[in-house]
Structures are given as structure tokens and as C-alpha cells.
Amino acid sequence: MAFRAYDLVNLVNTHGEPLTLRKKAYGAYDPTTGTQSSSTTTDYSIRGYFYTYNITSVDEVRRGTRKCVIPALGLAVEPDDEDEILGNGDRVNIVNVMTMYSAGVVICYICDVSE
């Protein structure tokens, strides 16, 4: 499914929902003890739109594999793999992020997410 960046931003503005991007920050690893100091999380309010990109595979839908479009305009941080998206009673992990540009400017992020 091919979209122009502008179309994706309009899709989120029209049909998106308020979500939370949870970024994880990991503590330092101590090789002598084999442990990692505590990790922290920081939540950011975002607006996004979930969609299923492979409607021919029922297995993908069952596993919760789908995409989430997040506009970059006004976003305080960039989504990254290993971050989580929470909203509408759902929690998914970002496994991959594709950045969409227009004239060299970041317009939106398309995140592959999985439950």
C-alpha cells in the first residue's frame, strides 16, 4: 500500500487517536556483576493511526502485527524500536521505524508494531 506523506498526515489528523509513546532508557551494564542498573520510562503524548497492512494473512492479524503512523510535526522525540505505544486499552511494541521525508523534512514515522 503506497501513500504520500501528506496523505498519511491527513489520515492521522482525520482518523487518528490520542496515544502514548513510552520510551525506555536503560541503565548502565556492570560486567563484573552481570547486571544492569534500573531502567526508566518516559511517556510522551502523541496522535497516531493504527492500520493492518497485510489483510491477506490472518496469522498477522492474530499476532497483532500492524503499522502505526505518527506525524513528526510537533513531536518531542523520535520513535525508536523497543519503544511502546499505549492507547485505547492496547499496548504494542515498536519493532521497526521507517521515516518519511518530503523535501528533506521529516513528515511522519511509520512504525511496525506487534503485541
PDB file of N, CA and C in Angstrom:
ATOM      1  N   MET A   1       0.848  -1.158   0.000  1.00  0.00           N
ATOM      2  CA  MET A   1       0.000   0.000   0.000  1.00  0.00           C
ATOM      3  C   MET A   1       0.900   1.230   0.000  1.00  0.00           C
ATOM      4  N   ALA A   2       0.762   2.064  -1.015  1.00  0.00           N
ATOM      5  CA  ALA A   2       1.619   3.243  -1.138  1.00  0.00           C
ATOM      6  C   ALA A   2       0.830   4.496  -0.780  1.00  0.00           C
ATOM      7  N   PHE A   3       1.454   5.335   0.019  1.00  0.00           N
ATOM      8  CA  PHE A   3       0.865   6.602   0.421  1.00  0.00           C
ATOM      9  C   PHE A   3       1.876   7.705   0.203  1.00  0.00           C
ATOM     10  N   ARG A   4       1.375   8.899  -0.044  1.00  0.00           N
ATOM     11  CA  ARG A   4       2.225  10.070   0.005  1.00  0.00           C
ATOM     12  C   ARG A   4       2.258  10.529   1.456  1.00  0.00           C
ATOM     13  N   ALA A   5       3.351  11.150   1.874  1.00  0.00           N
ATOM     14  CA  ALA A   5       3.496  11.593   3.261  1.00  0.00           C
ATOM     15  C   ALA A   5       2.354  12.520   3.668  1.00  0.00           C
ATOM     16  N   TYR A   6       1.968  13.412   2.786  1.00  0.00           N
ATOM     17  CA  TYR A   6       0.878  14.353   3.078  1.00  0.00           C
ATOM     18  C   TYR A   6      -0.423  13.602   3.347  1.00  0.00           C
ATOM     19  N   ASP A   7      -0.696  12.563   2.569  1.00  0.00           N
ATOM     20  CA  ASP A   7      -1.912  11.767   2.767  1.00  0.00           C
ATOM     21  C   ASP A   7      -1.907  11.084   4.132  1.00  0.00           C
ATOM     22  N   LEU A   8      -0.743  10.600   4.557  1.00  0.00           N
ATOM     23  CA  LEU A   8      -0.648   9.942   5.860  1.00  0.00           C
ATOM     24  C   LEU A   8      -0.918  10.916   6.997  1.00  0.00           C
ATOM     25  N   VAL A   9      -0.376  12.115   6.903  1.00  0.00           N
ATOM     26  CA  VAL A   9      -0.610  13.114   7.945  1.00  0.00           C
ATOM     27  C   VAL A   9      -2.092  13.473   7.999  1.00  0.00           C
ATOM     28  N   ASN A  10      -2.729  13.633   6.855  1.00  0.00           N
ATOM     29  CA  ASN A  10      -4.168  13.912   6.827  1.00  0.00           C
ATOM     30  C   ASN A  10      -4.969  12.748   7.401  1.00  0.00           C
ATOM     31  N   LEU A  11      -4.541  11.532   7.140  1.00  0.00           N
ATOM     32  CA  LEU A  11      -5.210  10.350   7.683  1.00  0.00           C
ATOM     33  C   LEU A  11      -5.165  10.367   9.208  1.00  0.00           C
ATOM     34  N   VAL A  12      -4.006  10.683   9.766  1.00  0.00           N
ATOM     35  CA  VAL A  12      -3.872  10.742  11.225  1.00  0.00           C
ATOM     36  C   VAL A  12      -4.702  11.894  11.790  1.00  0.00           C
ATOM     37  N   ASN A  13      -4.658  13.047  11.145  1.00  0.00           N
ATOM     38  CA  ASN A  13      -5.430  14.193  11.630  1.00  0.00           C
ATOM     39  C   ASN A  13      -6.930  13.920  11.608  1.00  0.00           C
ATOM     40  N   THR A  14      -7.396  13.165  10.622  1.00  0.00           N
ATOM     41  CA  THR A  14      -8.821  12.889  10.489  1.00  0.00           C
ATOM     42  C   THR A  14      -9.271  11.701  11.331  1.00  0.00           C
ATOM     43  N   HIS A  15      -8.487  10.617  11.318  1.00  0.00           N
ATOM     44  CA  HIS A  15      -8.933   9.373  11.942  1.00  0.00           C
ATOM     45  C   HIS A  15      -8.055   8.887  13.092  1.00  0.00           C
ATOM     46  N   GLY A  16      -7.001   9.625  13.396  1.00  0.00           N
ATOM     47  CA  GLY A  16      -6.084   9.196  14.447  1.00  0.00           C
ATOM     48  C   GLY A  16      -6.691   9.324  15.832  1.00  0.00           C
ATOM     49  N   GLU A  17      -5.957   8.811  16.811  1.00  0.00           N
ATOM     50  CA  GLU A  17      -6.424   8.853  18.194  1.00  0.00           C
ATOM     51  C   GLU A  17      -5.267   9.259  19.100  1.00  0.00           C
ATOM     52  N   PRO A  18      -5.586   9.786  20.277  1.00  0.00           N
ATOM     53  CA  PRO A  18      -4.518  10.117  21.218  1.00  0.00           C
ATOM     54  C   PRO A  18      -3.873   8.847  21.754  1.00  0.00           C
ATOM     55  N   LEU A  19      -2.554   8.815  21.739  1.00  0.00           N
ATOM     56  CA  LEU A  19      -1.789   7.656  22.184  1.00  0.00           C
ATOM     57  C   LEU A  19      -0.655   8.118  23.088  1.00  0.00           C
ATOM     58  N   THR A  20       0.033   7.168  23.675  1.00  0.00           N
ATOM     59  CA  THR A  20       1.198   7.460  24.490  1.00  0.00           C
ATOM     60  C   THR A  20       2.390   6.704  23.939  1.00  0.00           C
ATOM     61  N   LEU A  21       3.473   7.415  23.690  1.00  0.00           N
ATOM     62  CA  LEU A  21       4.732   6.801  23.278  1.00  0.00           C
ATOM     63  C   LEU A  21       5.578   6.651  24.528  1.00  0.00           C
ATOM     64  N   ARG A  22       5.898   5.418  24.881  1.00  0.00           N
ATOM     65  CA  ARG A  22       6.694   5.146  26.080  1.00  0.00           C
ATOM     66  C   ARG A  22       8.112   4.794  25.653  1.00  0.00           C
ATOM     67  N   LYS A  23       9.033   5.693  25.986  1.00  0.00           N
ATOM     68  CA  LYS A  23      10.438   5.473  25.661  1.00  0.00           C
ATOM     69  C   LYS A  23      11.133   4.866  26.862  1.00  0.00           C
ATOM     70  N   LYS A  24      11.958   3.869  26.608  1.00  0.00           N
ATOM     71  CA  LYS A  24      12.706   3.207  27.667  1.00  0.00           C
ATOM     72  C   LYS A  24      14.145   3.694  27.653  1.00  0.00           C
ATOM     73  N   ALA A  25      14.671   3.971  28.833  1.00  0.00           N
ATOM     74  CA  ALA A  25      16.077   4.339  28.988  1.00  0.00           C
ATOM     75  C   ALA A  25      16.700   3.297  29.905  1.00  0.00           C
ATOM     76  N   TYR A  26      17.690   2.606  29.397  1.00  0.00           N
ATOM     77  CA  TYR A  26      18.319   1.539  30.160  1.00  0.00           C
ATOM     78  C   TYR A  26      19.506   2.074  30.939  1.00  0.00           C
ATOM     79  N   GLY A  27      19.682   1.540  32.140  1.00  0.00           N
ATOM     80  CA  GLY A  27      20.816   1.917  32.972  1.00  0.00           C
ATOM     81  C   GLY A  27      22.093   1.291  32.463  1.00  0.00           C
ATOM     82  N   ALA A  28      23.169   1.624  33.109  1.00  0.00           N
ATOM     83  CA  ALA A  28      24.486   1.120  32.711  1.00  0.00           C
ATOM     84  C   ALA A  28      24.631  -0.359  33.065  1.00  0.00           C
ATOM     85  N   TYR A  29      25.340  -1.076  32.229  1.00  0.00           N
ATOM     86  CA  TYR A  29      25.608  -2.500  32.444  1.00  0.00           C
ATOM     87  C   TYR A  29      26.929  -2.650  33.198  1.00  0.00           C
ATOM     88  N   ASP A  30      26.901  -3.438  34.243  1.00  0.00           N
ATOM     89  CA  ASP A  30      28.103  -3.697  35.047  1.00  0.00           C
ATOM     90  C   ASP A  30      28.610  -5.097  34.698  1.00  0.00           C
ATOM     91  N   PRO A  31      29.713  -5.212  33.942  1.00  0.00           N
ATOM     92  CA  PRO A  31      30.198  -6.524  33.517  1.00  0.00           C
ATOM     93  C   PRO A  31      30.722  -7.387  34.670  1.00  0.00           C
ATOM     94  N   THR A  32      31.122  -6.776  35.756  1.00  0.00           N
ATOM     95  CA  THR A  32      31.639  -7.575  36.873  1.00  0.00           C
ATOM     96  C   THR A  32      30.529  -8.341  37.575  1.00  0.00           C
ATOM     97  N   THR A  33      29.350  -7.731  37.671  1.00  0.00           N
ATOM     98  CA  THR A  33      28.233  -8.419  38.328  1.00  0.00           C
ATOM     99  C   THR A  33      27.280  -9.047  37.318  1.00  0.00           C
ATOM    100  N   GLY A  34      27.378  -8.631  36.064  1.00  0.00           N
ATOM    101  CA  GLY A  34      26.480  -9.151  35.037  1.00  0.00           C
ATOM    102  C   GLY A  34      25.075  -8.597  35.147  1.00  0.00           C
ATOM    103  N   THR A  35      24.935  -7.453  35.789  1.00  0.00           N
ATOM    104  CA  THR A  35      23.618  -6.846  35.953  1.00  0.00           C
ATOM    105  C   THR A  35      23.576  -5.472  35.316  1.00  0.00           C
ATOM    106  N   GLN A  36      22.358  -5.031  35.115  1.00  0.00           N
ATOM    107  CA  GLN A  36      22.133  -3.709  34.550  1.00  0.00           C
ATOM    108  C   GLN A  36      21.419  -2.880  35.605  1.00  0.00           C
ATOM    109  N   SER A  37      21.848  -1.633  35.776  1.00  0.00           N
ATOM    110  CA  SER A  37      21.153  -0.785  36.735  1.00  0.00           C
ATOM    111  C   SER A  37      19.741  -0.521  36.230  1.00  0.00           C
ATOM    112  N   SER A  38      18.911  -0.032  37.083  1.00  0.00           N
ATOM    113  CA  SER A  38      17.483   0.090  36.771  1.00  0.00           C
ATOM    114  C   SER A  38      17.244   0.912  35.508  1.00  0.00           C
ATOM    115  N   SER A  39      16.186   0.537  34.819  1.00  0.00           N
ATOM    116  CA  SER A  39      15.790   1.284  33.639  1.00  0.00           C
ATOM    117  C   SER A  39      14.623   2.189  34.000  1.00  0.00           C
ATOM    118  N   THR A  40      14.455   3.235  33.220  1.00  0.00           N
ATOM    119  CA  THR A  40      13.362   4.172  33.445  1.00  0.00           C
ATOM    120  C   THR A  40      12.550   4.306  32.167  1.00  0.00           C
ATOM    121  N   THR A  41      11.333   4.785  32.310  1.00  0.00           N
ATOM    122  CA  THR A  41      10.493   5.050  31.150  1.00  0.00           C
ATOM    123  C   THR A  41       9.991   6.484  31.211  1.00  0.00           C
ATOM    124  N   THR A  42       9.809   7.066  30.053  1.00  0.00           N
ATOM    125  CA  THR A  42       9.254   8.405  29.935  1.00  0.00           C
ATOM    126  C   THR A  42       8.115   8.348  28.938  1.00  0.00           C
ATOM    127  N   ASP A  43       6.962   8.887  29.309  1.00  0.00           N
ATOM    128  CA  ASP A  43       5.785   8.870  28.444  1.00  0.00           C
ATOM    129  C   ASP A  43       5.617  10.202  27.727  1.00  0.00           C
ATOM    130  N   TYR A  44       5.263  10.126  26.434  1.00  0.00           N
ATOM    131  CA  TYR A  44       5.010  11.311  25.613  1.00  0.00           C
ATOM    132  C   TYR A  44       3.637  11.160  24.970  1.00  0.00           C
ATOM    133  N   SER A  45       2.855  12.223  25.004  1.00  0.00           N
ATOM    134  CA  SER A  45       1.543  12.210  24.351  1.00  0.00           C
ATOM    135  C   SER A  45       1.736  12.423  22.858  1.00  0.00           C
ATOM    136  N   ILE A  46       1.116  11.550  22.072  1.00  0.00           N
ATOM    137  CA  ILE A  46       1.201  11.634  20.612  1.00  0.00           C
ATOM    138  C   ILE A  46      -0.177  11.396  20.026  1.00  0.00           C
ATOM    139  N   ARG A  47      -0.294  11.583  18.729  1.00  0.00           N
ATOM    140  CA  ARG A  47      -1.503  11.222  17.989  1.00  0.00           C
ATOM    141  C   ARG A  47      -1.046  10.256  16.905  1.00  0.00           C
ATOM    142  N   GLY A  48      -1.765   9.162  16.743  1.00  0.00           N
ATOM    143  CA  GLY A  48      -1.362   8.169  15.757  1.00  0.00           C
ATOM    144  C   GLY A  48      -2.544   7.439  15.178  1.00  0.00           C
ATOM    145  N   TYR A  49      -2.270   6.662  14.157  1.00  0.00           N
ATOM    146  CA  TYR A  49      -3.310   5.889  13.478  1.00  0.00           C
ATOM    147  C   TYR A  49      -2.770   4.494  13.211  1.00  0.00           C
ATOM    148  N   PHE A  50      -3.465   3.477  13.743  1.00  0.00           N
ATOM    149  CA  PHE A  50      -3.107   2.080  13.503  1.00  0.00           C
ATOM    150  C   PHE A  50      -3.821   1.561  12.266  1.00  0.00           C
ATOM    151  N   TYR A  51      -3.115   0.747  11.484  1.00  0.00           N
ATOM    152  CA  TYR A  51      -3.768   0.058  10.378  1.00  0.00           C
ATOM    153  C   TYR A  51      -3.083  -1.282  10.128  1.00  0.00           C
ATOM    154  N   THR A  52      -3.855  -2.215   9.607  1.00  0.00           N
ATOM    155  CA  THR A  52      -3.338  -3.521   9.246  1.00  0.00           C
ATOM    156  C   THR A  52      -2.908  -3.449   7.796  1.00  0.00           C
ATOM    157  N   TYR A  53      -1.672  -3.821   7.525  1.00  0.00           N
ATOM    158  CA  TYR A  53      -1.127  -3.633   6.183  1.00  0.00           C
ATOM    159  C   TYR A  53      -1.136  -4.883   5.333  1.00  0.00           C
ATOM    160  N   ASN A  54      -1.441  -6.030   5.905  1.00  0.00           N
ATOM    161  CA  ASN A  54      -1.444  -7.266   5.136  1.00  0.00           C
ATOM    162  C   ASN A  54      -2.728  -8.016   5.434  1.00  0.00           C
ATOM    163  N   ILE A  55      -3.820  -7.587   4.802  1.00  0.00           N
ATOM    164  CA  ILE A  55      -5.114  -8.161   5.128  1.00  0.00           C
ATOM    165  C   ILE A  55      -5.301  -9.563   4.561  1.00  0.00           C
ATOM    166  N   THR A  56      -4.358 -10.043   3.764  1.00  0.00           N
ATOM    167  CA  THR A  56      -4.489 -11.390   3.215  1.00  0.00           C
ATOM    168  C   THR A  56      -3.980 -12.446   4.187  1.00  0.00           C
ATOM    169  N   SER A  57      -3.236 -12.055   5.210  1.00  0.00           N
ATOM    170  CA  SER A  57      -2.679 -13.015   6.151  1.00  0.00           C
ATOM    171  C   SER A  57      -3.399 -12.918   7.494  1.00  0.00           C
ATOM    172  N   VAL A  58      -4.230 -13.897   7.768  1.00  0.00           N
ATOM    173  CA  VAL A  58      -4.974 -13.923   9.019  1.00  0.00           C
ATOM    174  C   VAL A  58      -4.024 -14.088  10.200  1.00  0.00           C
ATOM    175  N   ASP A  59      -2.920 -14.817  10.015  1.00  0.00           N
ATOM    176  CA  ASP A  59      -1.956 -15.024  11.092  1.00  0.00           C
ATOM    177  C   ASP A  59      -1.357 -13.712  11.568  1.00  0.00           C
ATOM    178  N   GLU A  60      -1.083 -12.785  10.662  1.00  0.00           N
ATOM    179  CA  GLU A  60      -0.514 -11.494  11.033  1.00  0.00           C
ATOM    180  C   GLU A  60      -1.504 -10.709  11.892  1.00  0.00           C
ATOM    181  N   VAL A  61      -2.781 -10.757  11.545  1.00  0.00           N
ATOM    182  CA  VAL A  61      -3.791 -10.041  12.304  1.00  0.00           C
ATOM    183  C   VAL A  61      -3.919 -10.651  13.697  1.00  0.00           C
ATOM    184  N   ARG A  62      -3.884 -11.967  13.800  1.00  0.00           N
ATOM    185  CA  ARG A  62      -3.985 -12.645  15.102  1.00  0.00           C
ATOM    186  C   ARG A  62      -2.821 -12.279  16.007  1.00  0.00           C
ATOM    187  N   ARG A  63      -1.630 -12.189  15.462  1.00  0.00           N
ATOM    188  CA  ARG A  63      -0.448 -11.840  16.253  1.00  0.00           C
ATOM    189  C   ARG A  63      -0.424 -10.373  16.635  1.00  0.00           C
ATOM    190  N   GLY A  64      -1.289  -9.579  16.038  1.00  0.00           N
ATOM    191  CA  GLY A  64      -1.322  -8.154  16.351  1.00  0.00           C
ATOM    192  C   GLY A  64      -0.308  -7.357  15.574  1.00  0.00           C
ATOM    193  N   THR A  65       0.230  -7.921  14.501  1.00  0.00           N
ATOM    194  CA  THR A  65       1.203  -7.210  13.693  1.00  0.00           C
ATOM    195  C   THR A  65       0.476  -6.206  12.806  1.00  0.00           C
ATOM    196  N   ARG A  66       0.855  -4.953  12.943  1.00  0.00           N
ATOM    197  CA  ARG A  66       0.232  -3.892  12.154  1.00  0.00           C
ATOM    198  C   ARG A  66       1.170  -2.699  12.104  1.00  0.00           C
ATOM    199  N   LYS A  67       0.702  -1.590  11.601  1.00  0.00           N
ATOM    200  CA  LYS A  67       1.513  -0.382  11.497  1.00  0.00           C
ATOM    201  C   LYS A  67       0.820   0.757  12.236  1.00  0.00           C
ATOM    202  N   CYS A  68       1.636   1.715  12.659  1.00  0.00           N
ATOM    203  CA  CYS A  68       1.116   2.921  13.289  1.00  0.00           C
ATOM    204  C   CYS A  68       1.805   4.116  12.654  1.00  0.00           C
ATOM    205  N   VAL A  69       1.010   5.050  12.166  1.00  0.00           N
ATOM    206  CA  VAL A  69       1.548   6.282  11.573  1.00  0.00           C
ATOM    207  C   VAL A  69       1.551   7.361  12.645  1.00  0.00           C
ATOM    208  N   ILE A  70       2.703   8.020  12.804  1.00  0.00           N
ATOM    209  CA  ILE A  70       2.856   9.099  13.779  1.00  0.00           C
ATOM    210  C   ILE A  70       3.416  10.312  13.047  1.00  0.00           C
ATOM    211  N   PRO A  71       2.673  11.432  12.997  1.00  0.00           N
ATOM    212  CA  PRO A  71       3.207  12.634  12.362  1.00  0.00           C
ATOM    213  C   PRO A  71       4.394  13.186  13.148  1.00  0.00           C
ATOM    214  N   ALA A  72       5.375  13.723  12.446  1.00  0.00           N
ATOM    215  CA  ALA A  72       6.585  14.241  13.083  1.00  0.00           C
ATOM    216  C   ALA A  72       6.425  15.687  13.545  1.00  0.00           C
ATOM    217  N   LEU A  73       5.521  16.424  12.945  1.00  0.00           N
ATOM    218  CA  LEU A  73       5.351  17.834  13.274  1.00  0.00           C
ATOM    219  C   LEU A  73       4.925  17.995  14.733  1.00  0.00           C
ATOM    220  N   GLY A  74       5.716  18.703  15.505  1.00  0.00           N
ATOM    221  CA  GLY A  74       5.403  18.945  16.903  1.00  0.00           C
ATOM    222  C   GLY A  74       5.734  17.800  17.836  1.00  0.00           C
ATOM    223  N   LEU A  75       6.345  16.747  17.323  1.00  0.00           N
ATOM    224  CA  LEU A  75       6.695  15.590  18.146  1.00  0.00           C
ATOM    225  C   LEU A  75       7.974  15.888  18.918  1.00  0.00           C
ATOM    226  N   ALA A  76       7.957  15.639  20.220  1.00  0.00           N
ATOM    227  CA  ALA A  76       9.100  15.976  21.075  1.00  0.00           C
ATOM    228  C   ALA A  76      10.264  15.007  20.899  1.00  0.00           C
ATOM    229  N   VAL A  77       9.982  13.744  20.553  1.00  0.00           N
ATOM    230  CA  VAL A  77      11.023  12.727  20.399  1.00  0.00           C
ATOM    231  C   VAL A  77      10.715  11.865  19.189  1.00  0.00           C
ATOM    232  N   GLU A  78      11.742  11.178  18.705  1.00  0.00           N
ATOM    233  CA  GLU A  78      11.548  10.243  17.602  1.00  0.00           C
ATOM    234  C   GLU A  78      11.223   8.861  18.153  1.00  0.00           C
ATOM    235  N   PRO A  79      10.248   8.179  17.554  1.00  0.00           N
ATOM    236  CA  PRO A  79      10.009   6.800  17.975  1.00  0.00           C
ATOM    237  C   PRO A  79      11.183   5.919  17.559  1.00  0.00           C
ATOM    238  N   ASP A  80      11.441   4.891  18.338  1.00  0.00           N
ATOM    239  CA  ASP A  80      12.562   4.001  18.084  1.00  0.00           C
ATOM    240  C   ASP A  80      12.103   2.577  18.361  1.00  0.00           C
ATOM    241  N   ASP A  81      12.793   1.599  17.748  1.00  0.00           N
ATOM    242  CA  ASP A  81      12.432   0.227  18.066  1.00  0.00           C
ATOM    243  C   ASP A  81      12.712  -0.006  19.547  1.00  0.00           C
ATOM    244  N   GLU A  82      11.964  -0.844  20.135  1.00  0.00           N
ATOM    245  CA  GLU A  82      11.945  -1.147  21.565  1.00  0.00           C
ATOM    246  C   GLU A  82      11.106  -0.159  22.372  1.00  0.00           C
ATOM    247  N   ASP A  83      10.588   0.905  21.764  1.00  0.00           N
ATOM    248  CA  ASP A  83       9.634   1.767  22.459  1.00  0.00           C
ATOM    249  C   ASP A  83       8.272   1.084  22.426  1.00  0.00           C
ATOM    250  N   GLU A  84       7.352   1.578  23.242  1.00  0.00           N
ATOM    251  CA  GLU A  84       5.996   1.044  23.278  1.00  0.00           C
ATOM    252  C   GLU A  84       5.009   2.146  22.923  1.00  0.00           C
ATOM    253  N   ILE A  85       3.871   1.730  22.363  1.00  0.00           N
ATOM    254  CA  ILE A  85       2.772   2.638  22.108  1.00  0.00           C
ATOM    255  C   ILE A  85       1.578   2.116  22.900  1.00  0.00           C
ATOM    256  N   LEU A  86       0.978   2.991  23.696  1.00  0.00           N
ATOM    257  CA  LEU A  86      -0.164   2.634  24.523  1.00  0.00           C
ATOM    258  C   LEU A  86      -1.347   3.500  24.139  1.00  0.00           C
ATOM    259  N   GLY A  87      -2.522   2.894  24.163  1.00  0.00           N
ATOM    260  CA  GLY A  87      -3.733   3.660  23.896  1.00  0.00           C
ATOM    261  C   GLY A  87      -4.888   2.761  23.585  1.00  0.00           C
ATOM    262  N   ASN A  88      -6.077   3.242  23.902  1.00  0.00           N
ATOM    263  CA  ASN A  88      -7.299   2.518  23.596  1.00  0.00           C
ATOM    264  C   ASN A  88      -7.272   1.108  24.193  1.00  0.00           C
ATOM    265  N   GLY A  89      -6.679   0.977  25.376  1.00  0.00           N
ATOM    266  CA  GLY A  89      -6.622  -0.315  26.056  1.00  0.00           C
ATOM    267  C   GLY A  89      -5.644  -1.289  25.444  1.00  0.00           C
ATOM    268  N   ASP A  90      -4.717  -0.804  24.633  1.00  0.00           N
ATOM    269  CA  ASP A  90      -3.792  -1.664  23.918  1.00  0.00           C
ATOM    270  C   ASP A  90      -2.361  -1.240  24.220  1.00  0.00           C
ATOM    271  N   ARG A  91      -1.443  -2.207  24.206  1.00  0.00           N
ATOM    272  CA  ARG A  91      -0.008  -1.922  24.382  1.00  0.00           C
ATOM    273  C   ARG A  91       0.736  -2.731  23.329  1.00  0.00           C
ATOM    274  N   VAL A  92       1.482  -2.023  22.470  1.00  0.00           N
ATOM    275  CA  VAL A  92       2.240  -2.687  21.416  1.00  0.00           C
ATOM    276  C   VAL A  92       3.688  -2.229  21.471  1.00  0.00           C
ATOM    277  N   ASN A  93       4.570  -3.070  20.980  1.00  0.00           N
ATOM    278  CA  ASN A  93       5.992  -2.764  20.907  1.00  0.00           C
ATOM    279  C   ASN A  93       6.350  -2.360  19.493  1.00  0.00           C
ATOM    280  N   ILE A  94       7.169  -1.332  19.369  1.00  0.00           N
ATOM    281  CA  ILE A  94       7.665  -0.930  18.056  1.00  0.00           C
ATOM    282  C   ILE A  94       8.833  -1.839  17.705  1.00  0.00           C
ATOM    283  N   VAL A  95       8.766  -2.463  16.526  1.00  0.00           N
ATOM    284  CA  VAL A  95       9.842  -3.355  16.101  1.00  0.00           C
ATOM    285  C   VAL A  95      10.678  -2.760  14.972  1.00  0.00           C
ATOM    286  N   ASN A  96      10.138  -1.767  14.284  1.00  0.00           N
ATOM    287  CA  ASN A  96      10.868  -1.122  13.197  1.00  0.00           C
ATOM    288  C   ASN A  96      10.243   0.242  12.931  1.00  0.00           C
ATOM    289  N   VAL A  97      11.058   1.216  12.554  1.00  0.00           N
ATOM    290  CA  VAL A  97      10.560   2.555  12.259  1.00  0.00           C
ATOM    291  C   VAL A  97      11.071   2.989  10.895  1.00  0.00           C
ATOM    292  N   MET A  98      10.152   3.436  10.033  1.00  0.00           N
ATOM    293  CA  MET A  98      10.516   3.991   8.741  1.00  0.00           C
ATOM    294  C   MET A  98      10.180   5.482   8.774  1.00  0.00           C
ATOM    295  N   THR A  99      11.131   6.316   8.419  1.00  0.00           N
ATOM    296  CA  THR A  99      10.939   7.763   8.433  1.00  0.00           C
ATOM    297  C   THR A  99      10.593   8.233   7.033  1.00  0.00           C
ATOM    298  N   MET A 100       9.514   9.024   6.910  1.00  0.00           N
ATOM    299  CA  MET A 100       9.099   9.559   5.612  1.00  0.00           C
ATOM    300  C   MET A 100       9.469  11.032   5.545  1.00  0.00           C
ATOM    301  N   TYR A 101      10.114  11.408   4.435  1.00  0.00           N
ATOM    302  CA  TYR A 101      10.570  12.773   4.209  1.00  0.00           C
ATOM    303  C   TYR A 101       9.818  13.395   3.042  1.00  0.00           C
ATOM    304  N   SER A 102       9.748  14.713   3.070  1.00  0.00           N
ATOM    305  CA  SER A 102       9.268  15.482   1.933  1.00  0.00           C
ATOM    306  C   SER A 102      10.168  16.704   1.827  1.00  0.00           C
ATOM    307  N   ALA A 103      10.884  16.817   0.728  1.00  0.00           N
ATOM    308  CA  ALA A 103      11.837  17.910   0.505  1.00  0.00           C
ATOM    309  C   ALA A 103      12.862  17.999   1.632  1.00  0.00           C
ATOM    310  N   GLY A 104      13.301  16.848   2.121  1.00  0.00           N
ATOM    311  CA  GLY A 104      14.320  16.793   3.155  1.00  0.00           C
ATOM    312  C   GLY A 104      13.825  17.034   4.566  1.00  0.00           C
ATOM    313  N   VAL A 105      12.529  17.193   4.750  1.00  0.00           N
ATOM    314  CA  VAL A 105      11.936  17.440   6.069  1.00  0.00           C
ATOM    315  C   VAL A 105      11.193  16.186   6.506  1.00  0.00           C
ATOM    316  N   VAL A 106      11.394  15.781   7.762  1.00  0.00           N
ATOM    317  CA  VAL A 106      10.683  14.609   8.282  1.00  0.00           C
ATOM    318  C   VAL A 106       9.202  14.955   8.419  1.00  0.00           C
ATOM    319  N   ILE A 107       8.358  14.160   7.780  1.00  0.00           N
ATOM    320  CA  ILE A 107       6.917  14.392   7.806  1.00  0.00           C
ATOM    321  C   ILE A 107       6.219  13.451   8.787  1.00  0.00           C
ATOM    322  N   CYS A 108       6.574  12.172   8.745  1.00  0.00           N
ATOM    323  CA  CYS A 108       5.933  11.217   9.646  1.00  0.00           C
ATOM    324  C   CYS A 108       6.796   9.969   9.785  1.00  0.00           C
ATOM    325  N   TYR A 109       6.417   9.173  10.768  1.00  0.00           N
ATOM    326  CA  TYR A 109       7.064   7.892  11.035  1.00  0.00           C
ATOM    327  C   TYR A 109       6.033   6.797  10.837  1.00  0.00           C
ATOM    328  N   ILE A 110       6.444   5.740  10.158  1.00  0.00           N
ATOM    329  CA  ILE A 110       5.598   4.558  10.034  1.00  0.00           C
ATOM    330  C   ILE A 110       6.264   3.460  10.856  1.00  0.00           C
ATOM    331  N   CYS A 111       5.583   3.062  11.911  1.00  0.00           N
ATOM    332  CA  CYS A 111       6.150   2.102  12.853  1.00  0.00           C
ATOM    333  C   CYS A 111       5.502   0.732  12.668  1.00  0.00           C
ATOM    334  N   ASP A 112       6.335  -0.288  12.489  1.00  0.00           N
ATOM    335  CA  ASP A 112       5.844  -1.663  12.545  1.00  0.00           C
ATOM    336  C   ASP A 112       5.702  -1.994  14.011  1.00  0.00           C
ATOM    337  N   VAL A 113       4.503  -2.434  14.415  1.00  0.00           N
ATOM    338  CA  VAL A 113       4.260  -2.739  15.815  1.00  0.00           C
ATOM    339  C   VAL A 113       3.730  -4.157  15.958  1.00  0.00           C
ATOM    340  N   SER A 114       3.947  -4.707  17.128  1.00  0.00           N
ATOM    341  CA  SER A 114       3.495  -6.064  17.408  1.00  0.00           C
ATOM    342  C   SER A 114       3.127  -6.173  18.872  1.00  0.00           C
ATOM    343  N   GLU A 115       2.096  -6.943  19.167  1.00  0.00           N
ATOM    344  CA  GLU A 115       1.669  -7.130  20.551  1.00  0.00           C
ATOM    345  C   GLU A 115       2.596  -8.069  21.262  1.00  0.00           C
TER     346      GLU A 115
END
